[in-house]
PDB file of all heavy atoms in Angstrom:
ATOM      1  N   PRO A   1    -406.433 -94.776-150.185  1.00  0.00           N
ATOM      2  CA  PRO A   1    -406.777 -93.693-149.252  1.00  0.00           C
ATOM      3  C   PRO A   1    -405.764 -93.513-148.133  1.00  0.00           C
ATOM      4  O   PRO A   1    -405.568 -92.386-147.642  1.00  0.00           O
ATOM      5  CB  PRO A   1    -408.138 -94.135-148.695  1.00  0.00           C
ATOM      6  CG  PRO A   1    -408.719 -95.002-149.772  1.00  0.00           C
ATOM      7  CD  PRO A   1    -407.547 -95.720-150.373  1.00  0.00           C
ATOM      8  N   ARG A   2    -405.083 -94.581-147.726  1.00  0.00           N
ATOM      9  CA  ARG A   2    -404.074 -94.439-146.672  1.00  0.00           C
ATOM     10  C   ARG A   2    -402.899 -93.583-147.135  1.00  0.00           C
ATOM     11  O   ARG A   2    -402.208 -92.972-146.306  1.00  0.00           O
ATOM     12  CB  ARG A   2    -403.580 -95.819-146.234  1.00  0.00           C
ATOM     13  CG  ARG A   2    -404.613 -96.663-145.495  1.00  0.00           C
ATOM     14  CD  ARG A   2    -404.068 -98.054-145.241  1.00  0.00           C
ATOM     15  NE  ARG A   2    -403.753 -98.747-146.483  1.00  0.00           N
ATOM     16  CZ  ARG A   2    -402.980 -99.831-146.571  1.00  0.00           C
ATOM     17  NH1 ARG A   2    -402.409-100.329-145.478  1.00  0.00           N
ATOM     18  NH2 ARG A   2    -402.757-100.391-147.744  1.00  0.00           N
ATOM     19  N   ALA A   3    -402.676 -93.526-148.442  1.00  0.00           N
ATOM     20  CA  ALA A   3    -401.580 -92.706-148.971  1.00  0.00           C
ATOM     21  C   ALA A   3    -401.845 -91.228-148.721  1.00  0.00           C
ATOM     22  O   ALA A   3    -400.911 -90.457-148.462  1.00  0.00           O
ATOM     23  CB  ALA A   3    -401.398 -92.970-150.461  1.00  0.00           C
ATOM     24  N   GLU A   4    -403.089 -90.816-148.783  1.00  0.00           N
ATOM     25  CA  GLU A   4    -403.408 -89.414-148.547  1.00  0.00           C
ATOM     26  C   GLU A   4    -403.070 -89.010-147.118  1.00  0.00           C
ATOM     27  O   GLU A   4    -402.726 -87.862-146.842  1.00  0.00           O
ATOM     28  CB  GLU A   4    -404.883 -89.128-148.847  1.00  0.00           C
ATOM     29  CG  GLU A   4    -405.203 -87.654-148.829  1.00  0.00           C
ATOM     30  CD  GLU A   4    -406.541 -87.307-149.457  1.00  0.00           C
ATOM     31  OE1 GLU A   4    -407.243 -88.221-149.935  1.00  0.00           O
ATOM     32  OE2 GLU A   4    -406.879 -86.108-149.473  1.00  0.00           O
ATOM     33  N   THR A   5    -403.160 -89.955-146.206  1.00  0.00           N
ATOM     34  CA  THR A   5    -402.765 -89.692-144.822  1.00  0.00           C
ATOM     35  C   THR A   5    -401.252 -89.706-144.665  1.00  0.00           C
ATOM     36  O   THR A   5    -400.675 -88.871-143.952  1.00  0.00           O
ATOM     37  CB  THR A   5    -403.381 -90.743-143.887  1.00  0.00           C
ATOM     38  OG1 THR A   5    -404.801 -90.710-144.011  1.00  0.00           O
ATOM     39  CG2 THR A   5    -402.995 -90.478-142.433  1.00  0.00           C
ATOM     40  N   LEU A   6    -400.592 -90.644-145.356  1.00  0.00           N
ATOM     41  CA  LEU A   6    -399.148 -90.809-145.195  1.00  0.00           C
ATOM     42  C   LEU A   6    -398.343 -89.686-145.834  1.00  0.00           C
ATOM     43  O   LEU A   6    -397.400 -89.160-145.233  1.00  0.00           O
ATOM     44  CB  LEU A   6    -398.702 -92.151-145.786  1.00  0.00           C
ATOM     45  CG  LEU A   6    -397.196 -92.425-145.739  1.00  0.00           C
ATOM     46  CD1 LEU A   6    -396.714 -92.550-144.290  1.00  0.00           C
ATOM     47  CD2 LEU A   6    -396.857 -93.692-146.528  1.00  0.00           C
ATOM     48  N   PHE A   7    -398.684 -89.307-147.052  1.00  0.00           N
ATOM     49  CA  PHE A   7    -397.874 -88.330-147.789  1.00  0.00           C
ATOM     50  C   PHE A   7    -398.155 -86.918-147.290  1.00  0.00           C
ATOM     51  O   PHE A   7    -399.275 -86.441-147.333  1.00  0.00           O
ATOM     52  CB  PHE A   7    -398.136 -88.435-149.292  1.00  0.00           C
ATOM     53  CG  PHE A   7    -397.467 -89.602-149.945  1.00  0.00           C
ATOM     54  CD1 PHE A   7    -398.155 -90.790-150.140  1.00  0.00           C
ATOM     55  CD2 PHE A   7    -396.146 -89.529-150.349  1.00  0.00           C
ATOM     56  CE1 PHE A   7    -397.542 -91.878-150.734  1.00  0.00           C
ATOM     57  CE2 PHE A   7    -395.517 -90.606-150.950  1.00  0.00           C
ATOM     58  CZ  PHE A   7    -396.217 -91.787-151.146  1.00  0.00           C
ATOM     59  N   ASN A   8    -397.111 -86.256-146.842  1.00  0.00           N
ATOM     60  CA  ASN A   8    -397.228 -84.881-146.356  1.00  0.00           C
ATOM     61  C   ASN A   8    -397.121 -83.859-147.475  1.00  0.00           C
ATOM     62  O   ASN A   8    -397.617 -82.738-147.345  1.00  0.00           O
ATOM     63  CB  ASN A   8    -396.119 -84.576-145.339  1.00  0.00           C
ATOM     64  CG  ASN A   8    -396.081 -85.571-144.199  1.00  0.00           C
ATOM     65  OD1 ASN A   8    -395.392 -86.578-144.297  1.00  0.00           O
ATOM     66  ND2 ASN A   8    -396.813 -85.304-143.128  1.00  0.00           N
ATOM     67  N   GLY A   9    -396.413 -84.238-148.550  1.00  0.00           N
ATOM     68  CA  GLY A   9    -396.155 -83.266-149.603  1.00  0.00           C
ATOM     69  C   GLY A   9    -396.106 -83.883-150.976  1.00  0.00           C
ATOM     70  O   GLY A   9    -396.219 -85.104-151.147  1.00  0.00           O
ATOM     71  N   ILE A  10    -395.920 -83.014-151.955  1.00  0.00           N
ATOM     72  CA  ILE A  10    -395.875 -83.401-153.365  1.00  0.00           C
ATOM     73  C   ILE A  10    -394.606 -82.798-153.956  1.00  0.00           C
ATOM     74  O   ILE A  10    -394.356 -81.585-153.833  1.00  0.00           O
ATOM     75  CB  ILE A  10    -397.117 -82.885-154.119  1.00  0.00           C
ATOM     76  CG1 ILE A  10    -398.396 -83.496-153.512  1.00  0.00           C
ATOM     77  CG2 ILE A  10    -397.024 -83.190-155.608  1.00  0.00           C
ATOM     78  CD1 ILE A  10    -399.636 -82.680-153.780  1.00  0.00           C
ATOM     79  N   ALA A  11    -393.782 -83.644-154.569  1.00  0.00           N
ATOM     80  CA  ALA A  11    -392.516 -83.204-155.155  1.00  0.00           C
ATOM     81  C   ALA A  11    -392.626 -83.234-156.685  1.00  0.00           C
ATOM     82  O   ALA A  11    -393.266 -84.120-157.249  1.00  0.00           O
ATOM     83  CB  ALA A  11    -391.385 -84.126-154.691  1.00  0.00           C
ATOM     84  N   TYR A  12    -391.981 -82.282-157.325  1.00  0.00           N
ATOM     85  CA  TYR A  12    -392.000 -82.267-158.789  1.00  0.00           C
ATOM     86  C   TYR A  12    -390.708 -81.636-159.297  1.00  0.00           C
ATOM     87  O   TYR A  12    -389.967 -80.998-158.545  1.00  0.00           O
ATOM     88  CB  TYR A  12    -393.218 -81.497-159.321  1.00  0.00           C
ATOM     89  CG  TYR A  12    -393.093 -80.003-159.130  1.00  0.00           C
ATOM     90  CD1 TYR A  12    -392.693 -79.174-160.177  1.00  0.00           C
ATOM     91  CD2 TYR A  12    -393.343 -79.428-157.890  1.00  0.00           C
ATOM     92  CE1 TYR A  12    -392.546 -77.812-159.989  1.00  0.00           C
ATOM     93  CE2 TYR A  12    -393.200 -78.061-157.698  1.00  0.00           C
ATOM     94  CZ  TYR A  12    -392.800 -77.267-158.746  1.00  0.00           C
ATOM     95  OH  TYR A  12    -392.641 -75.909-158.557  1.00  0.00           O
ATOM     96  N   HIS A  13    -390.428 -81.833-160.614  1.00  0.00           N
ATOM     97  CA  HIS A  13    -389.221 -81.303-161.253  1.00  0.00           C
ATOM     98  C   HIS A  13    -389.590 -80.211-162.242  1.00  0.00           C
ATOM     99  O   HIS A  13    -390.733 -80.091-162.657  1.00  0.00           O
ATOM    100  CB  HIS A  13    -388.466 -82.425-161.957  1.00  0.00           C
ATOM    101  CG  HIS A  13    -387.940 -83.467-161.010  1.00  0.00           C
ATOM    102  ND1 HIS A  13    -387.226 -84.569-161.433  1.00  0.00           N
ATOM    103  CD2 HIS A  13    -388.027 -83.587-159.662  1.00  0.00           C
ATOM    104  CE1 HIS A  13    -386.893 -85.314-160.396  1.00  0.00           C
ATOM    105  NE2 HIS A  13    -387.378 -84.739-159.309  1.00  0.00           N
ATOM    106  N   TRP A  14    -388.571 -79.445-162.653  1.00  0.00           N
ATOM    107  CA  TRP A  14    -388.856 -78.244-163.449  1.00  0.00           C
ATOM    108  C   TRP A  14    -388.844 -78.462-164.964  1.00  0.00           C
ATOM    109  O   TRP A  14    -389.232 -77.578-165.719  1.00  0.00           O
ATOM    110  CB  TRP A  14    -387.859 -77.151-163.081  1.00  0.00           C
ATOM    111  CG  TRP A  14    -386.616 -77.060-163.930  1.00  0.00           C
ATOM    112  CD1 TRP A  14    -385.858 -78.073-164.422  1.00  0.00           C
ATOM    113  CD2 TRP A  14    -386.004 -75.842-164.388  1.00  0.00           C
ATOM    114  NE1 TRP A  14    -384.787 -77.575-165.128  1.00  0.00           N
ATOM    115  CE2 TRP A  14    -384.858 -76.213-165.126  1.00  0.00           C
ATOM    116  CE3 TRP A  14    -386.296 -74.503-164.233  1.00  0.00           C
ATOM    117  CZ2 TRP A  14    -384.017 -75.278-165.709  1.00  0.00           C
ATOM    118  CZ3 TRP A  14    -385.455 -73.569-164.814  1.00  0.00           C
ATOM    119  CH2 TRP A  14    -384.329 -73.947-165.544  1.00  0.00           C
ATOM    120  N   TYR A  15    -388.407 -79.625-165.434  1.00  0.00           N
ATOM    121  CA  TYR A  15    -388.263 -79.845-166.867  1.00  0.00           C
ATOM    122  C   TYR A  15    -389.614 -79.710-167.581  1.00  0.00           C
ATOM    123  O   TYR A  15    -390.621 -80.229-167.120  1.00  0.00           O
ATOM    124  CB  TYR A  15    -387.632 -81.210-167.124  1.00  0.00           C
ATOM    125  CG  TYR A  15    -386.378 -81.422-166.307  1.00  0.00           C
ATOM    126  CD1 TYR A  15    -386.400 -82.200-165.148  1.00  0.00           C
ATOM    127  CD2 TYR A  15    -385.177 -80.789-166.642  1.00  0.00           C
ATOM    128  CE1 TYR A  15    -385.261 -82.370-164.361  1.00  0.00           C
ATOM    129  CE2 TYR A  15    -384.041 -80.945-165.862  1.00  0.00           C
ATOM    130  CZ  TYR A  15    -384.088 -81.736-164.724  1.00  0.00           C
ATOM    131  OH  TYR A  15    -382.968 -81.885-163.943  1.00  0.00           O
ATOM    132  N   PHE A  16    -389.612 -79.029-168.709  1.00  0.00           N
ATOM    133  CA  PHE A  16    -390.801 -78.760-169.520  1.00  0.00           C
ATOM    134  C   PHE A  16    -391.765 -77.774-168.860  1.00  0.00           C
ATOM    135  O   PHE A  16    -392.920 -77.660-169.270  1.00  0.00           O
ATOM    136  CB  PHE A  16    -391.546 -80.065-169.875  1.00  0.00           C
ATOM    137  CG  PHE A  16    -390.663 -81.125-170.452  1.00  0.00           C
ATOM    138  CD1 PHE A  16    -390.326 -82.247-169.716  1.00  0.00           C
ATOM    139  CD2 PHE A  16    -390.149 -81.004-171.736  1.00  0.00           C
ATOM    140  CE1 PHE A  16    -389.502 -83.233-170.226  1.00  0.00           C
ATOM    141  CE2 PHE A  16    -389.324 -81.978-172.270  1.00  0.00           C
ATOM    142  CZ  PHE A  16    -388.995 -83.098-171.510  1.00  0.00           C
ATOM    143  N   ASN A  17    -391.292 -77.033-167.848  1.00  0.00           N
ATOM    144  CA  ASN A  17    -392.160 -76.041-167.213  1.00  0.00           C
ATOM    145  C   ASN A  17    -392.635 -74.981-168.195  1.00  0.00           C
ATOM    146  O   ASN A  17    -393.688 -74.380-168.010  1.00  0.00           O
ATOM    147  CB  ASN A  17    -391.432 -75.358-166.046  1.00  0.00           C
ATOM    148  CG  ASN A  17    -391.527 -76.150-164.755  1.00  0.00           C
ATOM    149  OD1 ASN A  17    -392.098 -77.239-164.724  1.00  0.00           O
ATOM    150  ND2 ASN A  17    -390.963 -75.615-163.700  1.00  0.00           N
ATOM    151  N   ASN A  18    -391.825 -74.728-169.236  1.00  0.00           N
ATOM    152  CA  ASN A  18    -392.214 -73.721-170.222  1.00  0.00           C
ATOM    153  C   ASN A  18    -393.399 -74.173-171.061  1.00  0.00           C
ATOM    154  O   ASN A  18    -394.031 -73.370-171.744  1.00  0.00           O
ATOM    155  CB  ASN A  18    -391.031 -73.388-171.142  1.00  0.00           C
ATOM    156  CG  ASN A  18    -390.517 -74.610-171.888  1.00  0.00           C
ATOM    157  OD1 ASN A  18    -390.478 -75.712-171.333  1.00  0.00           O
ATOM    158  ND2 ASN A  18    -390.116 -74.431-173.127  1.00  0.00           N
ATOM    159  N   ILE A  19    -393.719 -75.447-171.013  1.00  0.00           N
ATOM    160  CA  ILE A  19    -394.833 -75.991-171.796  1.00  0.00           C
ATOM    161  C   ILE A  19    -396.096 -76.121-170.946  1.00  0.00           C
ATOM    162  O   ILE A  19    -397.201 -75.876-171.428  1.00  0.00           O
ATOM    163  CB  ILE A  19    -394.465 -77.362-172.393  1.00  0.00           C
ATOM    164  CG1 ILE A  19    -393.240 -77.229-173.307  1.00  0.00           C
ATOM    165  CG2 ILE A  19    -395.636 -77.973-173.147  1.00  0.00           C
ATOM    166  CD1 ILE A  19    -392.731 -78.562-173.831  1.00  0.00           C
ATOM    167  N   PHE A  20    -395.918 -76.484-169.675  1.00  0.00           N
ATOM    168  CA  PHE A  20    -397.063 -76.785-168.826  1.00  0.00           C
ATOM    169  C   PHE A  20    -397.238 -75.694-167.771  1.00  0.00           C
ATOM    170  O   PHE A  20    -396.357 -75.424-166.981  1.00  0.00           O
ATOM    171  CB  PHE A  20    -396.891 -78.157-168.171  1.00  0.00           C
ATOM    172  CG  PHE A  20    -396.834 -79.277-169.172  1.00  0.00           C
ATOM    173  CD1 PHE A  20    -395.616 -79.758-169.632  1.00  0.00           C
ATOM    174  CD2 PHE A  20    -397.993 -79.812-169.691  1.00  0.00           C
ATOM    175  CE1 PHE A  20    -395.561 -80.779-170.565  1.00  0.00           C
ATOM    176  CE2 PHE A  20    -397.948 -80.823-170.630  1.00  0.00           C
ATOM    177  CZ  PHE A  20    -396.728 -81.313-171.068  1.00  0.00           C
ATOM    178  N   SER A  21    -398.399 -75.092-167.764  1.00  0.00           N
ATOM    179  CA  SER A  21    -398.690 -73.904-166.969  1.00  0.00           C
ATOM    180  C   SER A  21    -398.499 -74.142-165.471  1.00  0.00           C
ATOM    181  O   SER A  21    -398.853 -75.205-164.943  1.00  0.00           O
ATOM    182  CB  SER A  21    -400.143 -73.472-167.216  1.00  0.00           C
ATOM    183  OG  SER A  21    -400.535 -72.495-166.283  1.00  0.00           O
ATOM    184  N   PRO A  22    -397.975 -73.112-164.771  1.00  0.00           N
ATOM    185  CA  PRO A  22    -397.884 -73.211-163.313  1.00  0.00           C
ATOM    186  C   PRO A  22    -399.247 -73.261-162.643  1.00  0.00           C
ATOM    187  O   PRO A  22    -399.343 -73.535-161.440  1.00  0.00           O
ATOM    188  CB  PRO A  22    -397.108 -71.947-162.919  1.00  0.00           C
ATOM    189  CG  PRO A  22    -397.350 -70.991-164.031  1.00  0.00           C
ATOM    190  CD  PRO A  22    -397.437 -71.831-165.270  1.00  0.00           C
ATOM    191  N   ARG A  23    -400.288 -73.001-163.403  1.00  0.00           N
ATOM    192  CA  ARG A  23    -401.637 -73.113-162.865  1.00  0.00           C
ATOM    193  C   ARG A  23    -401.882 -74.511-162.308  1.00  0.00           C
ATOM    194  O   ARG A  23    -402.677 -74.700-161.382  1.00  0.00           O
ATOM    195  CB  ARG A  23    -402.663 -72.791-163.961  1.00  0.00           C
ATOM    196  CG  ARG A  23    -404.116 -72.901-163.513  1.00  0.00           C
ATOM    197  CD  ARG A  23    -404.488 -71.833-162.509  1.00  0.00           C
ATOM    198  NE  ARG A  23    -405.652 -72.240-161.712  1.00  0.00           N
ATOM    199  CZ  ARG A  23    -406.216 -71.511-160.776  1.00  0.00           C
ATOM    200  NH1 ARG A  23    -405.720 -70.326-160.500  1.00  0.00           N
ATOM    201  NH2 ARG A  23    -407.255 -71.941-160.097  1.00  0.00           N
ATOM    202  N   ARG A  24    -401.172 -75.508-162.858  1.00  0.00           N
ATOM    203  CA  ARG A  24    -401.303 -76.874-162.343  1.00  0.00           C
ATOM    204  C   ARG A  24    -400.906 -76.947-160.868  1.00  0.00           C
ATOM    205  O   ARG A  24    -401.445 -77.759-160.107  1.00  0.00           O
ATOM    206  CB  ARG A  24    -400.427 -77.832-163.158  1.00  0.00           C
ATOM    207  CG  ARG A  24    -400.909 -78.046-164.590  1.00  0.00           C
ATOM    208  CD  ARG A  24    -399.896 -78.794-165.427  1.00  0.00           C
ATOM    209  NE  ARG A  24    -400.375 -78.974-166.784  1.00  0.00           N
ATOM    210  CZ  ARG A  24    -400.957 -80.081-167.243  1.00  0.00           C
ATOM    211  NH1 ARG A  24    -401.112 -81.114-166.438  1.00  0.00           N
ATOM    212  NH2 ARG A  24    -401.357 -80.170-168.488  1.00  0.00           N
ATOM    213  N   LEU A  25    -399.951 -76.122-160.464  1.00  0.00           N
ATOM    214  CA  LEU A  25    -399.536 -76.094-159.065  1.00  0.00           C
ATOM    215  C   LEU A  25    -400.647 -75.546-158.183  1.00  0.00           C
ATOM    216  O   LEU A  25    -400.961 -76.107-157.122  1.00  0.00           O
ATOM    217  CB  LEU A  25    -398.273 -75.252-158.914  1.00  0.00           C
ATOM    218  CG  LEU A  25    -397.052 -75.727-159.700  1.00  0.00           C
ATOM    219  CD1 LEU A  25    -395.976 -74.648-159.707  1.00  0.00           C
ATOM    220  CD2 LEU A  25    -396.510 -77.027-159.127  1.00  0.00           C
ATOM    221  N   THR A  26    -401.247 -74.440-158.618  1.00  0.00           N
ATOM    222  CA  THR A  26    -402.352 -73.862-157.852  1.00  0.00           C
ATOM    223  C   THR A  26    -403.541 -74.807-157.811  1.00  0.00           C
ATOM    224  O   THR A  26    -404.202 -74.965-156.774  1.00  0.00           O
ATOM    225  CB  THR A  26    -402.751 -72.511-158.451  1.00  0.00           C
ATOM    226  OG1 THR A  26    -401.651 -71.599-158.297  1.00  0.00           O
ATOM    227  CG2 THR A  26    -403.975 -71.934-157.757  1.00  0.00           C
ATOM    228  N   ASP A  27    -403.838 -75.459-158.933  1.00  0.00           N
ATOM    229  CA  ASP A  27    -404.940 -76.435-158.958  1.00  0.00           C
ATOM    230  C   ASP A  27    -404.686 -77.554-157.950  1.00  0.00           C
ATOM    231  O   ASP A  27    -405.600 -78.006-157.250  1.00  0.00           O
ATOM    232  CB  ASP A  27    -405.098 -77.024-160.357  1.00  0.00           C
ATOM    233  CG  ASP A  27    -405.640 -76.015-161.360  1.00  0.00           C
ATOM    234  OD1 ASP A  27    -406.150 -74.961-160.925  1.00  0.00           O
ATOM    235  OD2 ASP A  27    -405.526 -76.271-162.573  1.00  0.00           O
ATOM    236  N   THR A  28    -403.420 -78.010-157.880  1.00  0.00           N
ATOM    237  CA  THR A  28    -403.071 -79.077-156.934  1.00  0.00           C
ATOM    238  C   THR A  28    -403.210 -78.578-155.503  1.00  0.00           C
ATOM    239  O   THR A  28    -403.748 -79.286-154.636  1.00  0.00           O
ATOM    240  CB  THR A  28    -401.635 -79.563-157.193  1.00  0.00           C
ATOM    241  OG1 THR A  28    -401.531 -80.008-158.559  1.00  0.00           O
ATOM    242  CG2 THR A  28    -401.273 -80.711-156.271  1.00  0.00           C
ATOM    243  N   HIS A  29    -402.726 -77.363-155.242  1.00  0.00           N
ATOM    244  CA  HIS A  29    -402.882 -76.795-153.897  1.00  0.00           C
ATOM    245  C   HIS A  29    -404.355 -76.670-153.512  1.00  0.00           C
ATOM    246  O   HIS A  29    -404.743 -76.992-152.378  1.00  0.00           O
ATOM    247  CB  HIS A  29    -402.220 -75.427-153.821  1.00  0.00           C
ATOM    248  CG  HIS A  29    -402.644 -74.644-152.606  1.00  0.00           C
ATOM    249  ND1 HIS A  29    -402.126 -74.877-151.362  1.00  0.00           N
ATOM    250  CD2 HIS A  29    -403.585 -73.660-152.461  1.00  0.00           C
ATOM    251  CE1 HIS A  29    -402.704 -74.075-150.484  1.00  0.00           C
ATOM    252  NE2 HIS A  29    -403.589 -73.327-151.128  1.00  0.00           N
ATOM    253  N   ASP A  30    -405.164 -76.202-154.443  1.00  0.00           N
ATOM    254  CA  ASP A  30    -406.580 -76.000-154.135  1.00  0.00           C
ATOM    255  C   ASP A  30    -407.287 -77.319-153.818  1.00  0.00           C
ATOM    256  O   ASP A  30    -408.198 -77.360-152.984  1.00  0.00           O
ATOM    257  CB  ASP A  30    -407.279 -75.305-155.300  1.00  0.00           C
ATOM    258  CG  ASP A  30    -406.832 -73.848-155.459  1.00  0.00           C
ATOM    259  OD1 ASP A  30    -406.190 -73.320-154.526  1.00  0.00           O
ATOM    260  OD2 ASP A  30    -407.124 -73.260-156.514  1.00  0.00           O
ATOM    261  N   LYS A  31    -406.869 -78.399-154.470  1.00  0.00           N
ATOM    262  CA  LYS A  31    -407.470 -79.716-154.209  1.00  0.00           C
ATOM    263  C   LYS A  31    -406.937 -80.335-152.929  1.00  0.00           C
ATOM    264  O   LYS A  31    -407.662 -81.063-152.233  1.00  0.00           O
ATOM    265  CB  LYS A  31    -407.191 -80.673-155.381  1.00  0.00           C
ATOM    266  CG  LYS A  31    -407.907 -80.318-156.660  1.00  0.00           C
ATOM    267  CD  LYS A  31    -407.660 -81.357-157.739  1.00  0.00           C
ATOM    268  CE  LYS A  31    -408.763 -82.384-157.760  1.00  0.00           C
ATOM    269  NZ  LYS A  31    -408.683 -83.271-158.962  1.00  0.00           N
ATOM    270  N   TYR A  32    -405.665 -80.054-152.629  1.00  0.00           N
ATOM    271  CA  TYR A  32    -405.015 -80.668-151.465  1.00  0.00           C
ATOM    272  C   TYR A  32    -404.286 -79.593-150.650  1.00  0.00           C
ATOM    273  O   TYR A  32    -403.054 -79.574-150.571  1.00  0.00           O
ATOM    274  CB  TYR A  32    -404.035 -81.759-151.917  1.00  0.00           C
ATOM    275  CG  TYR A  32    -404.674 -82.778-152.835  1.00  0.00           C
ATOM    276  CD1 TYR A  32    -404.495 -82.707-154.220  1.00  0.00           C
ATOM    277  CD2 TYR A  32    -405.477 -83.790-152.323  1.00  0.00           C
ATOM    278  CE1 TYR A  32    -405.095 -83.636-155.067  1.00  0.00           C
ATOM    279  CE2 TYR A  32    -406.090 -84.721-153.158  1.00  0.00           C
ATOM    280  CZ  TYR A  32    -405.898 -84.629-154.537  1.00  0.00           C
ATOM    281  OH  TYR A  32    -406.504 -85.548-155.364  1.00  0.00           O
ATOM    282  N   PRO A  33    -405.028 -78.674-150.040  1.00  0.00           N
ATOM    283  CA  PRO A  33    -404.407 -77.529-149.374  1.00  0.00           C
ATOM    284  C   PRO A  33    -403.542 -77.890-148.170  1.00  0.00           C
ATOM    285  O   PRO A  33    -402.715 -77.080-147.741  1.00  0.00           O
ATOM    286  CB  PRO A  33    -405.610 -76.679-148.939  1.00  0.00           C
ATOM    287  CG  PRO A  33    -406.758 -77.638-148.878  1.00  0.00           C
ATOM    288  CD  PRO A  33    -406.499 -78.634-149.969  1.00  0.00           C
ATOM    289  N   ASN A  34    -403.711 -79.104-147.654  1.00  0.00           N
ATOM    290  CA  ASN A  34    -402.891 -79.514-146.507  1.00  0.00           C
ATOM    291  C   ASN A  34    -401.617 -80.242-146.920  1.00  0.00           C
ATOM    292  O   ASN A  34    -400.877 -80.734-146.062  1.00  0.00           O
ATOM    293  CB  ASN A  34    -403.704 -80.397-145.557  1.00  0.00           C
ATOM    294  CG  ASN A  34    -404.159 -81.687-146.217  1.00  0.00           C
ATOM    295  OD1 ASN A  34    -404.341 -81.733-147.435  1.00  0.00           O
ATOM    296  ND2 ASN A  34    -404.369 -82.728-145.435  1.00  0.00           N
ATOM    297  N   LYS A  35    -401.343 -80.322-148.226  1.00  0.00           N
ATOM    298  CA  LYS A  35    -400.109 -80.936-148.719  1.00  0.00           C
ATOM    299  C   LYS A  35    -399.179 -79.853-149.266  1.00  0.00           C
ATOM    300  O   LYS A  35    -399.578 -79.059-150.116  1.00  0.00           O
ATOM    301  CB  LYS A  35    -400.400 -81.947-149.845  1.00  0.00           C
ATOM    302  CG  LYS A  35    -401.455 -82.996-149.506  1.00  0.00           C
ATOM    303  CD  LYS A  35    -401.044 -83.892-148.358  1.00  0.00           C
ATOM    304  CE  LYS A  35    -402.109 -84.943-148.071  1.00  0.00           C
ATOM    305  NZ  LYS A  35    -401.806 -85.724-146.849  1.00  0.00           N
TER     306      LYS A  35
END
């Protein structure tokens, strides 16, 4: 739980983006709107 306080953001790479929907980004934002 302390990690949720420490980490300000989420980093990711673009490889295989054509396979995995960008909806995953919105889902992540919706779960963690302050990151």
